[in-house]
Protein backbone atom coordinates (compact mmCIF):
# COMPACT_ATOMS: atom_id res chain seq x y z
CA MET A 1 84.24 7.89 86.96
CA ARG A 2 81.02 9.18 87.97
CA ARG A 3 81.79 12.72 86.94
CA LEU A 4 82.90 11.31 83.44
CA ALA A 5 79.39 9.61 83.22
CA ALA A 6 77.62 12.64 84.05
CA ALA A 7 79.52 14.82 81.92
CA ALA A 8 78.96 12.54 78.84
CA CYS A 9 75.19 12.38 79.77
CA ALA A 10 75.03 16.05 80.02
CA ALA A 11 76.67 16.29 76.56
CA LEU A 12 74.32 13.83 74.90
CA LEU A 13 71.40 15.67 76.60
CA LEU A 14 72.56 18.90 75.14
CA THR A 15 73.21 17.70 71.75
CA TRP A 16 69.88 16.13 71.68
CA VAL A 17 67.91 19.12 72.95
CA ALA A 18 70.12 21.68 70.60
CA ALA A 19 69.23 19.69 67.41
CA PRO A 20 67.71 21.74 64.84
CA ALA A 21 64.03 21.38 63.82
CA ALA A 22 63.65 19.56 60.53
CA ALA A 23 62.07 21.80 58.00
CA PHE A 24 60.75 21.14 54.43
CA VAL A 25 61.45 23.87 51.80
CA VAL A 26 61.35 22.13 48.24
CA GLU A 27 60.99 23.77 44.79
CA ILE A 28 59.28 21.80 42.17
CA THR A 29 58.79 22.00 38.51
CA THR A 30 55.89 20.42 36.63
CA SER A 31 54.23 20.64 33.61
CA VAL A 32 50.55 20.07 32.19
CA SER A 33 48.90 20.07 29.06
CA VAL A 34 46.72 23.34 27.69
CA ASP A 35 44.69 23.00 24.61
CA ASP A 36 44.41 27.19 24.37
CA ALA A 37 46.60 29.06 25.95
CA ASP A 38 44.65 32.52 25.41
CA ASP A 39 41.86 31.09 27.35
CA LYS A 40 42.24 32.38 30.97
CA SER A 41 39.90 29.80 32.58
CA GLN A 42 41.74 26.93 30.85
CA LEU A 43 44.79 28.22 32.19
CA GLU A 44 43.72 28.49 35.61
CA ASP A 45 42.01 25.20 35.58
CA ALA A 46 45.76 23.68 34.25
CA LEU A 47 47.49 25.59 37.01
CA GLN A 48 44.83 24.10 39.62
CA ALA A 49 45.78 20.46 38.12
CA ALA A 50 49.33 21.13 38.26
CA VAL A 51 49.39 22.20 41.99
CA ASP A 52 46.83 19.49 42.84
CA ASN A 53 49.26 16.86 41.46
CA VAL A 54 52.11 18.05 43.01
CA LEU A 55 50.35 18.13 46.65
CA HIS A 56 48.98 14.68 46.10
CA ASP A 57 51.51 12.89 44.33
CA ALA A 58 55.13 14.65 44.38
CA ILE A 59 55.75 15.47 48.05
CA ALA A 60 55.44 13.50 51.18
CA PHE A 61 54.49 16.52 53.75
CA ARG A 62 51.55 19.14 54.20
CA PRO A 63 52.58 22.46 52.88
CA THR A 64 51.36 25.58 54.79
CA LEU A 65 53.09 27.82 52.08
CA VAL A 66 52.88 27.27 48.24
CA VAL A 67 54.27 29.98 46.10
CA LEU A 68 54.11 30.07 42.16
CA THR A 69 57.53 31.34 41.37
CA HIS A 70 57.39 30.75 37.55
CA ALA A 71 54.91 30.03 34.66
CA VAL A 72 55.44 29.87 31.10
CA VAL A 73 53.40 28.46 28.30
CA LYS A 74 55.60 26.68 25.61
CA GLY A 75 53.46 24.99 22.73
CA ASN A 76 50.42 23.17 24.25
CA ARG A 77 52.30 22.91 27.78
CA LEU A 78 52.06 25.04 30.87
CA TYR A 79 55.51 24.67 32.85
CA VAL A 80 55.14 25.98 36.42
CA ARG A 81 57.58 26.32 39.29
CA LEU A 82 56.20 25.83 42.96
CA LEU A 83 57.93 26.76 46.28
CA LEU A 84 56.49 24.60 48.93
CA ALA A 85 57.34 24.72 52.54
CA ASP A 86 55.90 22.92 55.65
CA GLN A 87 55.25 25.17 58.85
CA ASP A 88 58.88 24.80 59.96
CA GLY A 89 60.19 25.69 56.57
CA GLU A 90 57.60 28.72 56.33
CA ARG A 91 58.89 29.98 59.29
CA THR A 92 62.72 29.73 58.22
CA PHE A 93 61.72 31.05 54.79
CA ASN A 94 60.04 34.11 56.43
CA ASP A 95 63.19 34.38 58.81
CA LEU A 96 65.36 34.67 55.42
CA SER A 97 63.45 37.60 54.06
CA PRO A 98 64.99 40.70 53.67
CA ASP A 99 64.59 43.80 56.37
CA GLN A 100 61.47 45.87 56.01
CA ASP A 101 63.73 48.83 54.89
CA ALA A 102 64.73 46.80 52.00
CA PRO A 103 62.92 46.91 48.64
CA ALA A 104 60.69 43.91 47.95
CA ALA A 105 59.95 42.13 44.71
CA SER A 106 56.95 43.33 43.06
CA VAL A 107 53.88 40.95 42.71
CA THR A 108 52.43 41.35 39.48
CA GLU A 109 48.77 39.62 40.14
CA GLU A 110 47.65 37.45 42.84
CA ILE A 111 45.59 34.57 42.12
CA LYS A 112 43.91 32.79 44.91
CA ILE A 113 43.66 28.80 44.29
């Protein structure tokens, strides 16, 4: 009986210790109003407003990675798609990246926010 209890405790302990870490990786689509789509500073301000809105109102974790994956202006709206991850999610995201030998997707422009 003691061996059975010890085995059950060991199995429970291994299950608890071997549990995967919780990681947050989310993709969010949002939009903001833009009066003049040809004005670069207004687009940057609108993008900053969209990111700030997502960071403060849409998610319940503190991201360490924020990636703009898509942006398009339709009419007077700027639609953006953001990829957000916490530290564990960023690690998972980096682990899934292609090998160094594989060709990487090109980045056309990097804007610091």
